[in-house]
Amino acid sequence: MGVNLRDIISAKEIKLNDLSGKTIGIDACNWTYQFLSTIRLRTGELLTDSKGRVTSHLIGMFNRTVNLLAAGIKPCYVWDGKPPELKRKTIEAREKVKQAAQKSFDRAETEEEKRRFAQQLSRLTPDMINDANKMLELMGVPHFKAPGEGEAQISHIVNKKEFWACASQDWDSLLFGSNLLIRNLSISGKKRVPRTKIFKTVNPEIIDLHENLHRLGLSREQLVILGVLVGTDYSAGVKGLGPKKSLALVQKEKTLENIKKAAKFEDDFEEVINLFLKPKVTDDYSIEWKEIEKEKLLKLLVDEHNFSQERVESQLKSLEEKTDKKQTGLHKFF
């Protein structure tokens, strides 16, 4: 879930083609959970192949990656590594939510109820990640596993100027220091409003960390303190302090010591703050885009996972035509 900064952070709406030529680090776990949550049967079950293996995440990742490549974007997927010890309570709490949702799903009588509870049951397994990586490799798209949080690693690479931006639905990359965050890149297009038949258009939006810090009159460390007050994956935050109240408090009191005195709380947040300011990252990674191995990709998706051959071939043909129009061609694009 991450920290909620929606009410205080300013974003600029953009179009997919505005990112042409940009190298984007993608929060792979974040995106995959979205695909697992939304790409389901009407009754809420995940899509599977003939052997019972989940394919919802593969469908979402394949379609979205093709769209990114067609727009001239160079994506790299970065998976989470070992989570910090402080995240254990959050992981345990999420598991309890899933267990409760499973009971509600089993009792549900309507398709709508089943789908609503099923969206809370998503679990990302090592096999799912392995299947996704096999597909990405045949698409010529780089991927690797971070030593810790994926967003922290991406932010580190953004600041090295090897990625142009981080793509995630969470706001955490701002606390990790990524200057540019792109949201809605995985869900742009028409999206159904939950529990209605209404669809709304969702466009990508870009957030500039430095511009927001300047506008809010904060340093990055103060933004991290603000986020910790609101609540993160590593701590529950302070009761009664949402984004706006936390912002006013940090702007007035400046330091964590003064903030703790003013708000009259005793929580020791230094360790959480350091997780954002000094996260576990590495410079040992490889980022290289290659040509699509069309025949092997078709074999994996169609023969192994029962994708529609006609649809996959159509998408790959469209991708090739679009890249040719950009006068690059697939062999020159990478």
C-alpha atoms as a PDB file:
ATOM      1  CA  MET A   1       0.000   0.000   0.000  1.00  0.00           C
ATOM      2  CA  GLY A   2       2.752   2.461   0.868  1.00  0.00           C
ATOM      3  CA  VAL A   3       2.362   5.980   2.201  1.00  0.00           C
ATOM      4  CA  ASN A   4      -0.588   8.165   1.166  1.00  0.00           C
ATOM      5  CA  LEU A   5       0.523  11.593  -0.062  1.00  0.00           C
ATOM      6  CA  ARG A   6      -2.292  12.189  -2.537  1.00  0.00           C
ATOM      7  CA  ASP A   7      -3.729  15.250  -0.766  1.00  0.00           C
ATOM      8  CA  ILE A   8      -0.493  17.251  -0.731  1.00  0.00           C
ATOM      9  CA  ILE A   9       1.493  16.198  -3.804  1.00  0.00           C
ATOM     10  CA  SER A  10       0.988  17.944  -7.137  1.00  0.00           C
ATOM     11  CA  ALA A  11       1.026  15.904 -10.358  1.00  0.00           C
ATOM     12  CA  LYS A  12       0.911  16.740 -14.048  1.00  0.00           C
ATOM     13  CA  GLU A  13      -1.197  14.654 -16.417  1.00  0.00           C
ATOM     14  CA  ILE A  14       0.660  13.407 -19.476  1.00  0.00           C
ATOM     15  CA  LYS A  15       0.104  11.127 -22.460  1.00  0.00           C
ATOM     16  CA  LEU A  16       1.887   7.847 -23.065  1.00  0.00           C
ATOM     17  CA  ASN A  17       3.667   9.200 -26.128  1.00  0.00           C
ATOM     18  CA  ASP A  18       5.149  12.014 -24.029  1.00  0.00           C
ATOM     19  CA  LEU A  19       7.449   9.352 -22.576  1.00  0.00           C
ATOM     20  CA  SER A  20       8.830   8.223 -25.943  1.00  0.00           C
ATOM     21  CA  GLY A  21      12.572   7.649 -25.751  1.00  0.00           C
ATOM     22  CA  LYS A  22      12.533   7.516 -21.936  1.00  0.00           C
ATOM     23  CA  THR A  23      13.987   4.701 -19.847  1.00  0.00           C
ATOM     24  CA  ILE A  24      11.551   3.806 -17.071  1.00  0.00           C
ATOM     25  CA  GLY A  25      12.205   1.658 -13.998  1.00  0.00           C
ATOM     26  CA  ILE A  26       9.010  -0.259 -13.188  1.00  0.00           C
ATOM     27  CA  ASP A  27       8.020  -1.356  -9.696  1.00  0.00           C
ATOM     28  CA  ALA A  28       7.402  -4.945 -10.821  1.00  0.00           C
ATOM     29  CA  CYS A  29       5.671  -6.240  -7.684  1.00  0.00           C
ATOM     30  CA  ASN A  30       3.377  -3.227  -7.516  1.00  0.00           C
ATOM     31  CA  TRP A  31       2.297  -3.657 -11.123  1.00  0.00           C
ATOM     32  CA  THR A  32       1.893  -7.426 -10.848  1.00  0.00           C
ATOM     33  CA  TYR A  33      -0.397  -7.141  -7.843  1.00  0.00           C
ATOM     34  CA  GLN A  34      -2.534  -4.706  -9.850  1.00  0.00           C
ATOM     35  CA  PHE A  35      -2.832  -7.194 -12.691  1.00  0.00           C
ATOM     36  CA  LEU A  36      -3.691 -10.004 -10.274  1.00  0.00           C
ATOM     37  CA  SER A  37      -6.314  -7.802  -8.644  1.00  0.00           C
ATOM     38  CA  THR A  38      -8.057  -6.595 -11.800  1.00  0.00           C
ATOM     39  CA  ILE A  39      -7.636  -9.287 -14.465  1.00  0.00           C
ATOM     40  CA  ARG A  40     -10.121 -11.895 -13.288  1.00  0.00           C
ATOM     41  CA  LEU A  41     -13.210 -13.764 -14.374  1.00  0.00           C
ATOM     42  CA  ARG A  42     -16.597 -12.240 -13.620  1.00  0.00           C
ATOM     43  CA  THR A  43     -16.869 -14.477 -10.585  1.00  0.00           C
ATOM     44  CA  GLY A  44     -13.531 -13.265  -9.232  1.00  0.00           C
ATOM     45  CA  GLU A  45     -11.292 -16.214 -10.042  1.00  0.00           C
ATOM     46  CA  LEU A  46      -7.896 -15.621 -11.579  1.00  0.00           C
ATOM     47  CA  LEU A  47      -7.285 -16.610 -15.186  1.00  0.00           C
ATOM     48  CA  THR A  48      -5.301 -19.822 -15.539  1.00  0.00           C
ATOM     49  CA  ASP A  49      -3.906 -22.006 -18.298  1.00  0.00           C
ATOM     50  CA  SER A  50      -4.784 -25.664 -18.952  1.00  0.00           C
ATOM     51  CA  LYS A  51      -2.359 -26.790 -16.228  1.00  0.00           C
ATOM     52  CA  GLY A  52      -3.920 -24.506 -13.611  1.00  0.00           C
ATOM     53  CA  ARG A  53      -1.083 -21.978 -13.614  1.00  0.00           C
ATOM     54  CA  VAL A  54      -2.121 -18.361 -13.052  1.00  0.00           C
ATOM     55  CA  THR A  55      -1.889 -16.203 -16.189  1.00  0.00           C
ATOM     56  CA  SER A  56      -3.652 -12.983 -15.132  1.00  0.00           C
ATOM     57  CA  HIS A  57      -0.338 -11.275 -14.390  1.00  0.00           C
ATOM     58  CA  LEU A  58       1.198 -12.485 -17.670  1.00  0.00           C
ATOM     59  CA  ILE A  59      -1.723 -11.108 -19.664  1.00  0.00           C
ATOM     60  CA  GLY A  60      -1.475  -7.725 -17.960  1.00  0.00           C
ATOM     61  CA  MET A  61       2.305  -7.512 -18.179  1.00  0.00           C
ATOM     62  CA  PHE A  62       2.426  -8.611 -21.835  1.00  0.00           C
ATOM     63  CA  ASN A  63      -0.262  -6.168 -22.960  1.00  0.00           C
ATOM     64  CA  ARG A  64       1.172  -3.247 -21.009  1.00  0.00           C
ATOM     65  CA  THR A  65       4.762  -3.927 -22.053  1.00  0.00           C
ATOM     66  CA  VAL A  66       3.760  -4.097 -25.718  1.00  0.00           C
ATOM     67  CA  ASN A  67       2.015  -0.738 -25.321  1.00  0.00           C
ATOM     68  CA  LEU A  68       5.086   0.787 -23.683  1.00  0.00           C
ATOM     69  CA  LEU A  69       7.422  -0.484 -26.399  1.00  0.00           C
ATOM     70  CA  ALA A  70       5.043   0.721 -29.101  1.00  0.00           C
ATOM     71  CA  ALA A  71       5.147   4.195 -27.553  1.00  0.00           C
ATOM     72  CA  GLY A  72       8.956   4.190 -27.772  1.00  0.00           C
ATOM     73  CA  ILE A  73       9.438   3.641 -24.021  1.00  0.00           C
ATOM     74  CA  LYS A  74      12.267   1.450 -22.709  1.00  0.00           C
ATOM     75  CA  PRO A  75      10.977  -0.369 -19.592  1.00  0.00           C
ATOM     76  CA  CYS A  76      12.993  -2.281 -17.009  1.00  0.00           C
ATOM     77  CA  TYR A  77      11.182  -4.317 -14.342  1.00  0.00           C
ATOM     78  CA  VAL A  78      12.677  -4.343 -10.835  1.00  0.00           C
ATOM     79  CA  TRP A  79      11.365  -6.871  -8.313  1.00  0.00           C
ATOM     80  CA  ASP A  80      11.397  -6.554  -4.535  1.00  0.00           C
ATOM     81  CA  GLY A  81      14.092  -8.444  -2.680  1.00  0.00           C
ATOM     82  CA  LYS A  82      14.079  -9.275   1.018  1.00  0.00           C
ATOM     83  CA  PRO A  83      11.780  -6.869   2.883  1.00  0.00           C
ATOM     84  CA  PRO A  84      13.106  -4.935   5.896  1.00  0.00           C
ATOM     85  CA  GLU A  85      12.386  -6.522   9.254  1.00  0.00           C
ATOM     86  CA  LEU A  86      10.154  -3.554  10.151  1.00  0.00           C
ATOM     87  CA  LYS A  87       7.801  -4.558   7.321  1.00  0.00           C
ATOM     88  CA  ARG A  88       6.990  -7.919   8.916  1.00  0.00           C
ATOM     89  CA  LYS A  89       4.022  -6.568  10.912  1.00  0.00           C
ATOM     90  CA  THR A  90       2.553  -5.049   7.746  1.00  0.00           C
ATOM     91  CA  ILE A  91       2.958  -8.338   5.869  1.00  0.00           C
ATOM     92  CA  GLU A  92       1.323 -10.244   8.723  1.00  0.00           C
ATOM     93  CA  ALA A  93      -1.557  -7.743   8.841  1.00  0.00           C
ATOM     94  CA  ARG A  94      -2.112  -8.087   5.094  1.00  0.00           C
ATOM     95  CA  GLU A  95      -2.232 -11.863   5.443  1.00  0.00           C
ATOM     96  CA  LYS A  96      -4.980 -11.539   8.065  1.00  0.00           C
ATOM     97  CA  VAL A  97      -6.950  -9.315   5.690  1.00  0.00           C
ATOM     98  CA  LYS A  98      -6.626 -11.957   2.986  1.00  0.00           C
ATOM     99  CA  GLN A  99      -7.795 -14.681   5.339  1.00  0.00           C
ATOM    100  CA  ALA A 100     -10.869 -12.631   6.264  1.00  0.00           C
ATOM    101  CA  ALA A 101     -11.506 -11.871   2.579  1.00  0.00           C
ATOM    102  CA  GLN A 102     -11.312 -15.598   1.780  1.00  0.00           C
ATOM    103  CA  LYS A 103     -14.079 -16.319   4.279  1.00  0.00           C
ATOM    104  CA  SER A 104     -16.192 -13.521   2.836  1.00  0.00           C
ATOM    105  CA  PHE A 105     -15.537 -14.799  -0.686  1.00  0.00           C
ATOM    106  CA  ASP A 106     -16.648 -18.308   0.293  1.00  0.00           C
ATOM    107  CA  ARG A 107     -19.903 -16.902   1.747  1.00  0.00           C
ATOM    108  CA  ALA A 108     -20.595 -14.492  -1.140  1.00  0.00           C
ATOM    109  CA  GLU A 109     -23.695 -15.242  -3.204  1.00  0.00           C
ATOM    110  CA  THR A 110     -23.422 -12.814  -6.124  1.00  0.00           C
ATOM    111  CA  GLU A 111     -20.761 -12.421  -8.804  1.00  0.00           C
ATOM    112  CA  GLU A 112     -20.192  -8.813  -7.761  1.00  0.00           C
ATOM    113  CA  GLU A 113     -19.573  -9.801  -4.152  1.00  0.00           C
ATOM    114  CA  LYS A 114     -17.247 -12.615  -5.161  1.00  0.00           C
ATOM    115  CA  ARG A 115     -15.251 -10.319  -7.444  1.00  0.00           C
ATOM    116  CA  ARG A 116     -14.976  -7.626  -4.767  1.00  0.00           C
ATOM    117  CA  PHE A 117     -13.579 -10.004  -2.152  1.00  0.00           C
ATOM    118  CA  ALA A 118     -11.438 -11.883  -4.665  1.00  0.00           C
ATOM    119  CA  GLN A 119      -9.510  -8.692  -5.419  1.00  0.00           C
ATOM    120  CA  GLN A 120      -8.220  -8.791  -1.825  1.00  0.00           C
ATOM    121  CA  LEU A 121      -6.866 -12.326  -2.199  1.00  0.00           C
ATOM    122  CA  SER A 122      -3.974 -11.673  -4.581  1.00  0.00           C
ATOM    123  CA  ARG A 123      -0.749 -13.498  -3.748  1.00  0.00           C
ATOM    124  CA  LEU A 124       2.442 -13.238  -5.743  1.00  0.00           C
ATOM    125  CA  THR A 125       4.376 -16.519  -5.781  1.00  0.00           C
ATOM    126  CA  PRO A 126       7.935 -17.317  -6.925  1.00  0.00           C
ATOM    127  CA  ASP A 127       6.471 -19.350  -9.815  1.00  0.00           C
ATOM    128  CA  MET A 128       4.498 -16.333 -11.010  1.00  0.00           C
ATOM    129  CA  ILE A 129       7.630 -14.193 -10.947  1.00  0.00           C
ATOM    130  CA  ASN A 130       9.619 -16.856 -12.802  1.00  0.00           C
ATOM    131  CA  ASP A 131       6.951 -17.101 -15.506  1.00  0.00           C
ATOM    132  CA  ALA A 132       6.907 -13.319 -15.857  1.00  0.00           C
ATOM    133  CA  ASN A 133      10.691 -13.153 -16.145  1.00  0.00           C
ATOM    134  CA  LYS A 134      10.750 -15.840 -18.842  1.00  0.00           C
ATOM    135  CA  MET A 135       8.277 -13.781 -20.846  1.00  0.00           C
ATOM    136  CA  LEU A 136      10.179 -10.519 -20.329  1.00  0.00           C
ATOM    137  CA  GLU A 137      13.437 -12.126 -21.469  1.00  0.00           C
ATOM    138  CA  LEU A 138      11.842 -13.281 -24.723  1.00  0.00           C
ATOM    139  CA  MET A 139      10.423  -9.784 -25.191  1.00  0.00           C
ATOM    140  CA  GLY A 140      13.949  -8.414 -24.840  1.00  0.00           C
ATOM    141  CA  VAL A 141      13.006  -6.429 -21.740  1.00  0.00           C
ATOM    142  CA  PRO A 142      15.479  -6.318 -18.801  1.00  0.00           C
ATOM    143  CA  HIS A 143      14.530  -7.239 -15.269  1.00  0.00           C
ATOM    144  CA  PHE A 144      16.340  -7.909 -12.011  1.00  0.00           C
ATOM    145  CA  LYS A 145      15.752  -8.392  -8.298  1.00  0.00           C
ATOM    146  CA  ALA A 146      16.647  -5.631  -5.861  1.00  0.00           C
ATOM    147  CA  PRO A 147      18.469  -6.452  -2.613  1.00  0.00           C
ATOM    148  CA  GLY A 148      15.640  -4.779  -0.702  1.00  0.00           C
ATOM    149  CA  GLU A 149      12.657  -2.675  -1.773  1.00  0.00           C
ATOM    150  CA  GLY A 150      12.228  -2.389  -5.539  1.00  0.00           C
ATOM    151  CA  GLU A 151      11.248   1.283  -5.356  1.00  0.00           C
ATOM    152  CA  ALA A 152      14.373   2.087  -3.364  1.00  0.00           C
ATOM    153  CA  GLN A 153      16.558   0.443  -6.005  1.00  0.00           C
ATOM    154  CA  ILE A 154      14.757   2.192  -8.851  1.00  0.00           C
ATOM    155  CA  SER A 155      15.079   5.543  -7.076  1.00  0.00           C
ATOM    156  CA  HIS A 156      18.804   4.920  -6.692  1.00  0.00           C
ATOM    157  CA  ILE A 157      19.113   4.279 -10.437  1.00  0.00           C
ATOM    158  CA  VAL A 158      16.987   7.318 -11.291  1.00  0.00           C
ATOM    159  CA  ASN A 159      19.349   9.468  -9.254  1.00  0.00           C
ATOM    160  CA  LYS A 160      22.265   7.938 -11.171  1.00  0.00           C
ATOM    161  CA  LYS A 161      20.403   9.078 -14.320  1.00  0.00           C
ATOM    162  CA  GLU A 162      20.305   5.542 -15.735  1.00  0.00           C
ATOM    163  CA  PHE A 163      16.501   5.545 -15.418  1.00  0.00           C
ATOM    164  CA  TRP A 164      14.547   8.660 -16.317  1.00  0.00           C
ATOM    165  CA  ALA A 165      11.773   7.926 -13.810  1.00  0.00           C
ATOM    166  CA  CYS A 166      10.173   5.347 -11.518  1.00  0.00           C
ATOM    167  CA  ALA A 167       6.783   3.902 -12.461  1.00  0.00           C
ATOM    168  CA  SER A 168       4.607   2.801  -9.542  1.00  0.00           C
ATOM    169  CA  GLN A 169       1.180   3.440  -8.069  1.00  0.00           C
ATOM    170  CA  ASP A 170       2.714   3.919  -4.631  1.00  0.00           C
ATOM    171  CA  TRP A 171       4.223   7.199  -3.442  1.00  0.00           C
ATOM    172  CA  ASP A 172       7.143   5.598  -1.633  1.00  0.00           C
ATOM    173  CA  SER A 173       9.681   6.286  -4.372  1.00  0.00           C
ATOM    174  CA  LEU A 174       9.397   9.986  -3.508  1.00  0.00           C
ATOM    175  CA  LEU A 175      10.480   9.202   0.048  1.00  0.00           C
ATOM    176  CA  PHE A 176      13.277   7.053  -1.370  1.00  0.00           C
ATOM    177  CA  GLY A 177      14.411  10.114  -3.319  1.00  0.00           C
ATOM    178  CA  SER A 178      13.366   9.450  -6.923  1.00  0.00           C
ATOM    179  CA  ASN A 179      13.109  12.849  -8.589  1.00  0.00           C
ATOM    180  CA  LEU A 180      10.428  11.660 -11.028  1.00  0.00           C
ATOM    181  CA  LEU A 181       7.513   9.325 -10.292  1.00  0.00           C
ATOM    182  CA  ILE A 182       5.020   8.216 -12.932  1.00  0.00           C
ATOM    183  CA  ARG A 183       1.661   6.942 -11.740  1.00  0.00           C
ATOM    184  CA  ASN A 184      -1.133   5.283 -13.759  1.00  0.00           C
ATOM    185  CA  LEU A 185       1.319   3.971 -16.346  1.00  0.00           C
ATOM    186  CA  SER A 186       0.049   0.442 -15.746  1.00  0.00           C
ATOM    187  CA  ILE A 187      -3.660   1.317 -15.787  1.00  0.00           C
ATOM    188  CA  SER A 188      -3.980   4.157 -18.311  1.00  0.00           C
ATOM    189  CA  GLY A 189      -7.067   3.937 -20.512  1.00  0.00           C
ATOM    190  CA  LYS A 190     -10.665   3.168 -19.596  1.00  0.00           C
ATOM    191  CA  LYS A 191     -11.180   1.947 -16.036  1.00  0.00           C
ATOM    192  CA  ARG A 192     -14.417   0.820 -14.411  1.00  0.00           C
ATOM    193  CA  VAL A 193     -15.382   2.585 -11.205  1.00  0.00           C
ATOM    194  CA  PRO A 194     -15.663  -0.121  -8.496  1.00  0.00           C
ATOM    195  CA  ARG A 195     -19.176  -1.525  -7.930  1.00  0.00           C
ATOM    196  CA  THR A 196     -20.627   0.522 -10.807  1.00  0.00           C
ATOM    197  CA  LYS A 197     -21.017   0.219 -14.574  1.00  0.00           C
ATOM    198  CA  ILE A 198     -19.366   3.605 -15.063  1.00  0.00           C
ATOM    199  CA  PHE A 199     -16.013   3.862 -16.845  1.00  0.00           C
ATOM    200  CA  LYS A 200     -13.594   6.744 -16.505  1.00  0.00           C
ATOM    201  CA  THR A 201     -10.494   7.682 -18.461  1.00  0.00           C
ATOM    202  CA  VAL A 202      -7.242   7.307 -16.549  1.00  0.00           C
ATOM    203  CA  ASN A 203      -4.139   8.998 -17.934  1.00  0.00           C
ATOM    204  CA  PRO A 204      -0.549   8.747 -16.741  1.00  0.00           C
ATOM    205  CA  GLU A 205       0.638  11.498 -14.418  1.00  0.00           C
ATOM    206  CA  ILE A 206       4.138  12.609 -13.562  1.00  0.00           C
ATOM    207  CA  ILE A 207       5.320  13.929 -10.210  1.00  0.00           C
ATOM    208  CA  ASP A 208       8.485  15.999  -9.849  1.00  0.00           C
ATOM    209  CA  LEU A 209       9.920  15.570  -6.363  1.00  0.00           C
ATOM    210  CA  HIS A 210      12.080  18.693  -6.402  1.00  0.00           C
ATOM    211  CA  GLU A 211       9.231  20.894  -7.619  1.00  0.00           C
ATOM    212  CA  ASN A 212       6.947  19.560  -4.891  1.00  0.00           C
ATOM    213  CA  LEU A 213       9.565  19.994  -2.170  1.00  0.00           C
ATOM    214  CA  HIS A 214      10.085  23.596  -3.272  1.00  0.00           C
ATOM    215  CA  ARG A 215       6.336  24.272  -3.359  1.00  0.00           C
ATOM    216  CA  LEU A 216       5.794  22.741   0.074  1.00  0.00           C
ATOM    217  CA  GLY A 217       8.875  24.340   1.596  1.00  0.00           C
ATOM    218  CA  LEU A 218      10.275  20.979   2.706  1.00  0.00           C
ATOM    219  CA  SER A 219      13.559  19.138   2.506  1.00  0.00           C
ATOM    220  CA  ARG A 220      13.503  15.495   1.458  1.00  0.00           C
ATOM    221  CA  GLU A 221      14.180  14.463   5.060  1.00  0.00           C
ATOM    222  CA  GLN A 222      11.192  16.515   6.207  1.00  0.00           C
ATOM    223  CA  LEU A 223       9.034  14.833   3.555  1.00  0.00           C
ATOM    224  CA  VAL A 224      10.153  11.469   4.933  1.00  0.00           C
ATOM    225  CA  ILE A 225       9.224  12.588   8.467  1.00  0.00           C
ATOM    226  CA  LEU A 226       5.838  13.696   7.122  1.00  0.00           C
ATOM    227  CA  GLY A 227       5.332  10.315   5.476  1.00  0.00           C
ATOM    228  CA  VAL A 228       6.233   8.485   8.678  1.00  0.00           C
ATOM    229  CA  LEU A 229       3.704  10.571  10.604  1.00  0.00           C
ATOM    230  CA  VAL A 230       0.995   9.631   8.087  1.00  0.00           C
ATOM    231  CA  GLY A 231       1.960   5.963   8.114  1.00  0.00           C
ATOM    232  CA  THR A 232       4.098   3.702   5.947  1.00  0.00           C
ATOM    233  CA  ASP A 233       4.633   0.002   5.346  1.00  0.00           C
ATOM    234  CA  TYR A 234       7.085   0.088   8.249  1.00  0.00           C
ATOM    235  CA  SER A 235       5.060   1.970  10.861  1.00  0.00           C
ATOM    236  CA  ALA A 236       1.441   2.803  11.616  1.00  0.00           C
ATOM    237  CA  GLY A 237       1.970   6.548  11.868  1.00  0.00           C
ATOM    238  CA  VAL A 238       0.421   8.860  14.434  1.00  0.00           C
ATOM    239  CA  LYS A 239      -3.305   8.666  15.112  1.00  0.00           C
ATOM    240  CA  GLY A 240      -5.152  11.745  13.918  1.00  0.00           C
ATOM    241  CA  LEU A 241      -2.373  12.959  11.620  1.00  0.00           C
ATOM    242  CA  GLY A 242      -3.277  12.726   7.941  1.00  0.00           C
ATOM    243  CA  PRO A 243      -1.263  14.255   5.072  1.00  0.00           C
ATOM    244  CA  LYS A 244      -2.527  17.826   5.498  1.00  0.00           C
ATOM    245  CA  LYS A 245      -2.168  17.992   9.298  1.00  0.00           C
ATOM    246  CA  SER A 246       1.250  16.344   9.096  1.00  0.00           C
ATOM    247  CA  LEU A 247       2.337  18.868   6.474  1.00  0.00           C
ATOM    248  CA  ALA A 248       1.299  21.804   8.647  1.00  0.00           C
ATOM    249  CA  LEU A 249       3.072  20.275  11.644  1.00  0.00           C
ATOM    250  CA  VAL A 250       6.333  19.649   9.782  1.00  0.00           C
ATOM    251  CA  GLN A 251       6.291  23.090   8.163  1.00  0.00           C
ATOM    252  CA  LYS A 252       5.919  24.712  11.576  1.00  0.00           C
ATOM    253  CA  GLU A 253       8.149  22.562  13.795  1.00  0.00           C
ATOM    254  CA  LYS A 254      10.827  21.570  11.222  1.00  0.00           C
ATOM    255  CA  THR A 255      12.661  18.842  13.189  1.00  0.00           C
ATOM    256  CA  LEU A 256      11.522  15.433  14.390  1.00  0.00           C
ATOM    257  CA  GLU A 257      12.369  16.357  17.980  1.00  0.00           C
ATOM    258  CA  ASN A 258      10.198  19.474  17.880  1.00  0.00           C
ATOM    259  CA  ILE A 259       7.429  17.642  16.048  1.00  0.00           C
ATOM    260  CA  LYS A 260       7.324  14.900  18.686  1.00  0.00           C
ATOM    261  CA  LYS A 261       7.046  17.492  21.454  1.00  0.00           C
ATOM    262  CA  ALA A 262       4.348  19.496  19.681  1.00  0.00           C
ATOM    263  CA  ALA A 263       2.219  16.455  18.804  1.00  0.00           C
ATOM    264  CA  LYS A 264       2.875  14.774  22.162  1.00  0.00           C
ATOM    265  CA  PHE A 265       3.843  11.333  20.922  1.00  0.00           C
ATOM    266  CA  GLU A 266       6.802   9.178  21.886  1.00  0.00           C
ATOM    267  CA  ASP A 267       7.190   6.776  18.958  1.00  0.00           C
ATOM    268  CA  ASP A 268      10.806   6.240  17.941  1.00  0.00           C
ATOM    269  CA  PHE A 269      10.746   6.766  14.173  1.00  0.00           C
ATOM    270  CA  GLU A 270      14.474   7.179  13.530  1.00  0.00           C
ATOM    271  CA  GLU A 271      14.893   3.626  12.218  1.00  0.00           C
ATOM    272  CA  VAL A 272      11.968   4.026   9.819  1.00  0.00           C
ATOM    273  CA  ILE A 273      13.293   7.372   8.601  1.00  0.00           C
ATOM    274  CA  ASN A 274      16.692   5.810   7.919  1.00  0.00           C
ATOM    275  CA  LEU A 275      15.052   3.052   5.865  1.00  0.00           C
ATOM    276  CA  PHE A 276      14.003   5.748   3.418  1.00  0.00           C
ATOM    277  CA  LEU A 277      17.086   7.959   3.618  1.00  0.00           C
ATOM    278  CA  LYS A 278      19.616   5.105   3.536  1.00  0.00           C
ATOM    279  CA  PRO A 279      17.862   2.124   1.938  1.00  0.00           C
ATOM    280  CA  LYS A 280      19.508  -1.133   0.932  1.00  0.00           C
ATOM    281  CA  VAL A 281      20.486  -0.799  -2.749  1.00  0.00           C
ATOM    282  CA  THR A 282      23.164  -2.116  -5.092  1.00  0.00           C
ATOM    283  CA  ASP A 283      25.189  -1.054  -8.113  1.00  0.00           C
ATOM    284  CA  ASP A 284      25.535  -4.667  -9.186  1.00  0.00           C
ATOM    285  CA  TYR A 285      22.894  -4.956 -11.924  1.00  0.00           C
ATOM    286  CA  SER A 286      22.673  -5.194 -15.697  1.00  0.00           C
ATOM    287  CA  ILE A 287      20.256  -3.238 -17.876  1.00  0.00           C
ATOM    288  CA  GLU A 288      20.221  -4.248 -21.538  1.00  0.00           C
ATOM    289  CA  TRP A 289      17.389  -4.259 -24.077  1.00  0.00           C
ATOM    290  CA  LYS A 290      17.430  -6.909 -26.780  1.00  0.00           C
ATOM    291  CA  GLU A 291      15.414  -7.980 -29.800  1.00  0.00           C
ATOM    292  CA  ILE A 292      12.132  -9.810 -29.340  1.00  0.00           C
ATOM    293  CA  GLU A 293      12.430 -13.563 -29.886  1.00  0.00           C
ATOM    294  CA  LYS A 294       9.075 -13.865 -31.615  1.00  0.00           C
ATOM    295  CA  GLU A 295       8.900 -17.622 -32.204  1.00  0.00           C
ATOM    296  CA  LYS A 296      10.024 -18.519 -28.686  1.00  0.00           C
ATOM    297  CA  LEU A 297       7.648 -15.942 -27.227  1.00  0.00           C
ATOM    298  CA  LEU A 298       4.744 -17.413 -29.189  1.00  0.00           C
ATOM    299  CA  LYS A 299       5.655 -20.895 -27.996  1.00  0.00           C
ATOM    300  CA  LEU A 300       5.747 -19.750 -24.364  1.00  0.00           C
ATOM    301  CA  LEU A 301       2.504 -17.787 -24.430  1.00  0.00           C
ATOM    302  CA  VAL A 302       0.447 -19.869 -26.854  1.00  0.00           C
ATOM    303  CA  ASP A 303       1.704 -23.438 -26.329  1.00  0.00           C
ATOM    304  CA  GLU A 304       2.602 -23.201 -22.643  1.00  0.00           C
ATOM    305  CA  HIS A 305       0.006 -20.769 -21.300  1.00  0.00           C
ATOM    306  CA  ASN A 306      -2.852 -21.011 -23.815  1.00  0.00           C
ATOM    307  CA  PHE A 307      -2.821 -17.402 -25.005  1.00  0.00           C
ATOM    308  CA  SER A 308      -4.691 -16.725 -28.229  1.00  0.00           C
ATOM    309  CA  GLN A 309      -2.159 -17.109 -31.049  1.00  0.00           C
ATOM    310  CA  GLU A 310      -4.097 -14.736 -33.278  1.00  0.00           C
ATOM    311  CA  ARG A 311      -4.136 -12.040 -30.622  1.00  0.00           C
ATOM    312  CA  VAL A 312      -0.464 -12.366 -29.681  1.00  0.00           C
ATOM    313  CA  GLU A 313       0.626 -12.293 -33.330  1.00  0.00           C
ATOM    314  CA  SER A 314      -1.608  -9.294 -33.958  1.00  0.00           C
ATOM    315  CA  GLN A 315      -0.105  -7.366 -31.033  1.00  0.00           C
ATOM    316  CA  LEU A 316       3.462  -8.161 -32.087  1.00  0.00           C
ATOM    317  CA  LYS A 317       2.718  -7.174 -35.682  1.00  0.00           C
ATOM    318  CA  SER A 318       1.183  -3.904 -34.507  1.00  0.00           C
ATOM    319  CA  LEU A 319       4.243  -3.264 -32.338  1.00  0.00           C
ATOM    320  CA  GLU A 320       6.560  -3.829 -35.276  1.00  0.00           C
ATOM    321  CA  GLU A 321       4.517  -1.531 -37.514  1.00  0.00           C
ATOM    322  CA  LYS A 322       4.476   1.241 -34.918  1.00  0.00           C
ATOM    323  CA  THR A 323       8.196   1.059 -34.295  1.00  0.00           C
ATOM    324  CA  ASP A 324       8.815   1.032 -38.062  1.00  0.00           C
ATOM    325  CA  LYS A 325       6.784   4.236 -38.361  1.00  0.00           C
ATOM    326  CA  LYS A 326       9.115   5.799 -35.819  1.00  0.00           C
ATOM    327  CA  GLN A 327      11.908   4.862 -38.267  1.00  0.00           C
ATOM    328  CA  THR A 328      13.581   2.650 -35.754  1.00  0.00           C
ATOM    329  CA  GLY A 329      12.405  -0.877 -36.378  1.00  0.00           C
ATOM    330  CA  LEU A 330      12.672  -3.543 -33.714  1.00  0.00           C
ATOM    331  CA  HIS A 331      16.310  -4.243 -34.562  1.00  0.00           C
ATOM    332  CA  LYS A 332      17.235  -0.564 -34.169  1.00  0.00           C
ATOM    333  CA  PHE A 333      14.975   0.231 -31.249  1.00  0.00           C
ATOM    334  CA  PHE A 334      17.256  -1.432 -28.717  1.00  0.00           C
END
